[in-house]
C-alpha atoms as a PDB file:
ATOM      1  CA  THR A   1      18.443 -65.284 -19.195  1.00  0.00           C
ATOM      2  CA  LEU A   2      18.399 -62.146 -21.207  1.00  0.00           C
ATOM      3  CA  ASP A   3      21.812 -60.432 -21.447  1.00  0.00           C
ATOM      4  CA  ARG A   4      21.440 -56.696 -22.034  1.00  0.00           C
ATOM      5  CA  GLU A   5      23.419 -53.654 -21.031  1.00  0.00           C
ATOM      6  CA  ARG A   6      22.060 -51.273 -18.521  1.00  0.00           C
ATOM      7  CA  GLY A   7      21.713 -47.735 -19.713  1.00  0.00           C
ATOM      8  CA  PHE A   8      21.124 -44.223 -18.365  1.00  0.00           C
ATOM      9  CA  ALA A   9      20.547 -40.676 -19.551  1.00  0.00           C
ATOM     10  CA  ASN A  10      20.330 -37.263 -17.899  1.00  0.00           C
ATOM     11  CA  LEU A  11      19.165 -33.731 -18.718  1.00  0.00           C
ATOM     12  CA  TYR A  12      19.545 -30.783 -16.394  1.00  0.00           C
ATOM     13  CA  ILE A  13      19.024 -27.050 -15.819  1.00  0.00           C
ATOM     14  CA  ASP A  14      21.569 -25.190 -13.687  1.00  0.00           C
ATOM     15  CA  THR A  15      20.632 -21.530 -14.185  1.00  0.00           C
ATOM     16  CA  ASP A  16      17.381 -19.649 -13.621  1.00  0.00           C
ATOM     17  CA  THR A  17      15.061 -20.547 -16.508  1.00  0.00           C
ATOM     18  CA  ALA A  18      11.532 -19.159 -16.993  1.00  0.00           C
ATOM     19  CA  PHE A  19       8.654 -21.380 -18.018  1.00  0.00           C
ATOM     20  CA  THR A  20       5.155 -20.017 -18.635  1.00  0.00           C
ATOM     21  CA  PRO A  21       2.504 -22.677 -17.875  1.00  0.00           C
ATOM     22  CA  THR A  22      -1.165 -22.749 -18.833  1.00  0.00           C
ATOM     23  CA  GLN A  23      -3.252 -22.351 -15.698  1.00  0.00           C
ATOM     24  CA  GLY A  24      -5.179 -25.478 -14.794  1.00  0.00           C
ATOM     25  CA  GLN A  25      -3.743 -27.675 -17.545  1.00  0.00           C
ATOM     26  CA  ARG A  26      -0.986 -30.249 -17.652  1.00  0.00           C
ATOM     27  CA  VAL A  27       1.536 -28.989 -20.187  1.00  0.00           C
ATOM     28  CA  LYS A  28       4.910 -30.237 -21.307  1.00  0.00           C
ATOM     29  CA  LEU A  29       7.949 -28.455 -19.911  1.00  0.00           C
ATOM     30  CA  THR A  30       9.434 -26.843 -23.036  1.00  0.00           C
ATOM     31  CA  SER A  31      12.417 -25.078 -21.464  1.00  0.00           C
ATOM     32  CA  ALA A  32      15.599 -26.398 -23.019  1.00  0.00           C
ATOM     33  CA  MET A  33      17.729 -28.554 -20.742  1.00  0.00           C
ATOM     34  CA  LYS A  34      21.472 -29.249 -20.983  1.00  0.00           C
ATOM     35  CA  SER A  35      22.841 -32.633 -21.842  1.00  0.00           C
ATOM     36  CA  GLY A  36      24.148 -34.558 -18.842  1.00  0.00           C
ATOM     37  CA  VAL A  37      25.532 -38.082 -18.867  1.00  0.00           C
ATOM     38  CA  LEU A  38      24.392 -40.437 -21.615  1.00  0.00           C
ATOM     39  CA  SER A  39      25.363 -44.096 -21.735  1.00  0.00           C
ATOM     40  CA  THR A  40      26.058 -45.787 -25.031  1.00  0.00           C
ATOM     41  CA  TYR A  41      23.152 -48.172 -24.497  1.00  0.00           C
ATOM     42  CA  ASN A  42      19.395 -47.883 -24.508  1.00  0.00           C
ATOM     43  CA  PHE A  43      18.738 -44.124 -24.540  1.00  0.00           C
ATOM     44  CA  SER A  44      18.747 -41.005 -26.667  1.00  0.00           C
ATOM     45  CA  ARG A  45      17.704 -37.449 -25.793  1.00  0.00           C
ATOM     46  CA  THR A  46      16.628 -34.062 -27.077  1.00  0.00           C
ATOM     47  CA  THR A  47      16.697 -30.835 -25.047  1.00  0.00           C
ATOM     48  CA  THR A  48      13.266 -31.629 -23.530  1.00  0.00           C
ATOM     49  CA  SER A  49      12.948 -35.449 -23.543  1.00  0.00           C
ATOM     50  CA  LEU A  50      14.609 -38.784 -22.894  1.00  0.00           C
ATOM     51  CA  THR A  51      13.815 -41.766 -25.191  1.00  0.00           C
ATOM     52  CA  TYR A  52      14.290 -45.467 -24.484  1.00  0.00           C
ATOM     53  CA  THR A  53      15.961 -47.084 -27.506  1.00  0.00           C
ATOM     54  CA  GLY A  54      16.610 -50.586 -26.189  1.00  0.00           C
ATOM     55  CA  THR A  55      15.822 -53.568 -28.380  1.00  0.00           C
ATOM     56  CA  THR A  56      13.302 -55.083 -25.946  1.00  0.00           C
ATOM     57  CA  SER A  57      10.914 -53.876 -23.278  1.00  0.00           C
ATOM     58  CA  ALA A  58      12.532 -53.095 -19.924  1.00  0.00           C
ATOM     59  CA  THR A  59      11.685 -51.830 -16.472  1.00  0.00           C
ATOM     60  CA  LEU A  60      12.782 -48.192 -16.163  1.00  0.00           C
ATOM     61  CA  ARG A  61      13.161 -45.743 -13.308  1.00  0.00           C
ATOM     62  CA  ILE A  62      12.594 -42.115 -14.318  1.00  0.00           C
ATOM     63  CA  ALA A  63      13.167 -39.329 -11.816  1.00  0.00           C
ATOM     64  CA  ALA A  64      12.989 -35.525 -11.734  1.00  0.00           C
ATOM     65  CA  SER A  65      14.170 -33.225  -9.020  1.00  0.00           C
ATOM     66  CA  MET A  66      13.834 -29.476  -9.320  1.00  0.00           C
ATOM     67  CA  VAL A  67      13.829 -26.216  -7.479  1.00  0.00           C
ATOM     68  CA  LEU A  68      11.111 -23.850  -8.667  1.00  0.00           C
ATOM     69  CA  ALA A  69       9.453 -20.610  -7.681  1.00  0.00           C
ATOM     70  CA  GLN A  70       6.199 -18.923  -8.563  1.00  0.00           C
ATOM     71  CA  ASN A  71       3.775 -16.588  -6.773  1.00  0.00           C
ATOM     72  CA  ASN A  72       3.150 -17.183  -3.084  1.00  0.00           C
ATOM     73  CA  ASN A  73       0.263 -19.568  -2.198  1.00  0.00           C
ATOM     74  CA  THR A  74      -0.091 -21.229  -5.577  1.00  0.00           C
ATOM     75  CA  GLN A  75      -0.514 -24.962  -6.190  1.00  0.00           C
ATOM     76  CA  ILE A  76       1.789 -26.622  -8.717  1.00  0.00           C
ATOM     77  CA  LYS A  77       1.746 -30.323  -9.776  1.00  0.00           C
ATOM     78  CA  VAL A  78       4.653 -31.942 -11.556  1.00  0.00           C
ATOM     79  CA  TYR A  79       4.450 -35.243 -13.517  1.00  0.00           C
ATOM     80  CA  ILE A  80       6.678 -37.454 -15.563  1.00  0.00           C
ATOM     81  CA  ALA A  81       4.945 -38.292 -18.857  1.00  0.00           C
ATOM     82  CA  LYS A  82       5.351 -41.308 -21.131  1.00  0.00           C
ATOM     83  CA  ASN A  83       4.620 -40.589 -24.837  1.00  0.00           C
ATOM     84  CA  GLY A  84       2.817 -37.412 -23.894  1.00  0.00           C
ATOM     85  CA  THR A  85       0.580 -38.912 -21.228  1.00  0.00           C
ATOM     86  CA  PRO A  86       1.348 -37.938 -17.617  1.00  0.00           C
ATOM     87  CA  ILE A  87       2.024 -40.938 -15.351  1.00  0.00           C
ATOM     88  CA  ASP A  88      -0.362 -40.466 -12.493  1.00  0.00           C
ATOM     89  CA  GLN A  89       1.854 -42.366  -9.962  1.00  0.00           C
ATOM     90  CA  SER A  90       4.638 -39.785 -10.597  1.00  0.00           C
ATOM     91  CA  MET A  91       2.558 -36.721  -9.574  1.00  0.00           C
ATOM     92  CA  THR A  92       3.995 -34.484  -6.947  1.00  0.00           C
ATOM     93  CA  ASP A  93       2.002 -31.609  -5.569  1.00  0.00           C
ATOM     94  CA  ILE A  94       3.252 -28.438  -3.851  1.00  0.00           C
ATOM     95  CA  THR A  95       1.598 -25.272  -2.625  1.00  0.00           C
ATOM     96  CA  THR A  96       4.090 -22.462  -2.508  1.00  0.00           C
ATOM     97  CA  THR A  97       4.561 -20.709   0.837  1.00  0.00           C
ATOM     98  CA  HIS A  98       6.837 -17.936  -0.343  1.00  0.00           C
ATOM     99  CA  THR A  99       8.285 -16.626  -3.606  1.00  0.00           C
ATOM    100  CA  ASN A 100      11.707 -18.234  -3.172  1.00  0.00           C
ATOM    101  CA  GLY A 101      12.633 -21.702  -4.502  1.00  0.00           C
ATOM    102  CA  HIS A 102      10.771 -24.832  -3.425  1.00  0.00           C
ATOM    103  CA  ALA A 103      12.344 -28.243  -3.929  1.00  0.00           C
ATOM    104  CA  ILE A 104      10.371 -31.092  -5.354  1.00  0.00           C
ATOM    105  CA  TYR A 105      11.160 -34.669  -6.331  1.00  0.00           C
ATOM    106  CA  THR A 106       9.154 -37.233  -8.303  1.00  0.00           C
ATOM    107  CA  GLU A 107       9.853 -40.593  -9.812  1.00  0.00           C
ATOM    108  CA  ALA A 108       8.123 -43.456 -11.664  1.00  0.00           C
ATOM    109  CA  TYR A 109       8.822 -47.061 -12.368  1.00  0.00           C
ATOM    110  CA  VAL A 110       7.408 -48.239 -15.676  1.00  0.00           C
ATOM    111  CA  THR A 111       7.818 -50.787 -18.402  1.00  0.00           C
ATOM    112  CA  GLY A 112       9.379 -49.024 -21.356  1.00  0.00           C
ATOM    113  CA  ALA A 113       8.981 -50.208 -24.932  1.00  0.00           C
ATOM    114  CA  VAL A 114      11.284 -49.291 -27.809  1.00  0.00           C
ATOM    115  CA  ASN A 115      11.055 -45.549 -28.616  1.00  0.00           C
ATOM    116  CA  ASP A 116       8.984 -44.599 -25.579  1.00  0.00           C
ATOM    117  CA  GLU A 117       9.601 -40.882 -24.914  1.00  0.00           C
ATOM    118  CA  PHE A 118       9.655 -39.431 -21.382  1.00  0.00           C
ATOM    119  CA  THR A 119       9.125 -35.763 -20.549  1.00  0.00           C
ATOM    120  CA  ILE A 120       8.127 -33.520 -17.642  1.00  0.00           C
ATOM    121  CA  TYR A 121       4.710 -31.979 -17.402  1.00  0.00           C
ATOM    122  CA  ILE A 122       3.606 -29.164 -15.102  1.00  0.00           C
ATOM    123  CA  ASN A 123       0.104 -28.225 -13.991  1.00  0.00           C
ATOM    124  CA  ALA A 124      -0.092 -24.721 -12.490  1.00  0.00           C
ATOM    125  CA  ILE A 125      -3.420 -25.071 -10.713  1.00  0.00           C
ATOM    126  CA  ASP A 126      -3.879 -21.537  -9.426  1.00  0.00           C
ATOM    127  CA  SER A 127      -1.822 -19.259 -11.691  1.00  0.00           C
ATOM    128  CA  GLY A 128      -0.501 -19.011 -15.232  1.00  0.00           C
ATOM    129  CA  ALA A 129       2.274 -16.778 -14.001  1.00  0.00           C
ATOM    130  CA  SER A 130       5.828 -17.611 -15.056  1.00  0.00           C
ATOM    131  CA  ILE A 131       7.637 -20.291 -13.053  1.00  0.00           C
ATOM    132  CA  THR A 132      11.309 -19.901 -12.433  1.00  0.00           C
ATOM    133  CA  ILE A 133      13.201 -23.189 -12.484  1.00  0.00           C
ATOM    134  CA  SER A 134      16.580 -22.630 -10.866  1.00  0.00           C
ATOM    135  CA  ALA A 135      17.727 -26.256 -10.853  1.00  0.00           C
ATOM    136  CA  LEU A 136      16.436 -29.460 -12.466  1.00  0.00           C
ATOM    137  CA  SER A 137      17.818 -32.979 -12.923  1.00  0.00           C
ATOM    138  CA  PHE A 138      15.872 -35.366 -15.154  1.00  0.00           C
ATOM    139  CA  THR A 139      17.233 -38.931 -15.198  1.00  0.00           C
ATOM    140  CA  ILE A 140      16.277 -42.296 -16.598  1.00  0.00           C
ATOM    141  CA  HIS A 141      17.902 -45.725 -16.281  1.00  0.00           C
ATOM    142  CA  THR A 142      17.170 -49.353 -16.853  1.00  0.00           C
ATOM    143  CA  LEU A 143      16.736 -51.627 -13.893  1.00  0.00           C
END
């Protein structure tokens, strides 16, 4: 059996943060996130991404939960991306019903190879207006 340490990493936003998307396109969330917990095994991070640094491929669970607001009656899709390519199974889709915060959650289970980078992508279908992210937790761990 393979003996390897489990690892985890987290980034988060805990204050209102503005992000301006490109209407109708999947774009990387570039708002800086704060550093949460980081294990000593298998992961590194920047302010916008989490990277798997294990020595062998592994099954990973990546999750993002956030509270966001934009104009009323606009459609927003959120994805987790691997190496700049959104993971279709992670897509979550919301149509805003008011201008206050809407909670969303998405996750993906993937095989991660050494140095795979994971980020969040947003597709503002109906409007390129600024999105306010008031809370976000972006987490990855080995299974």
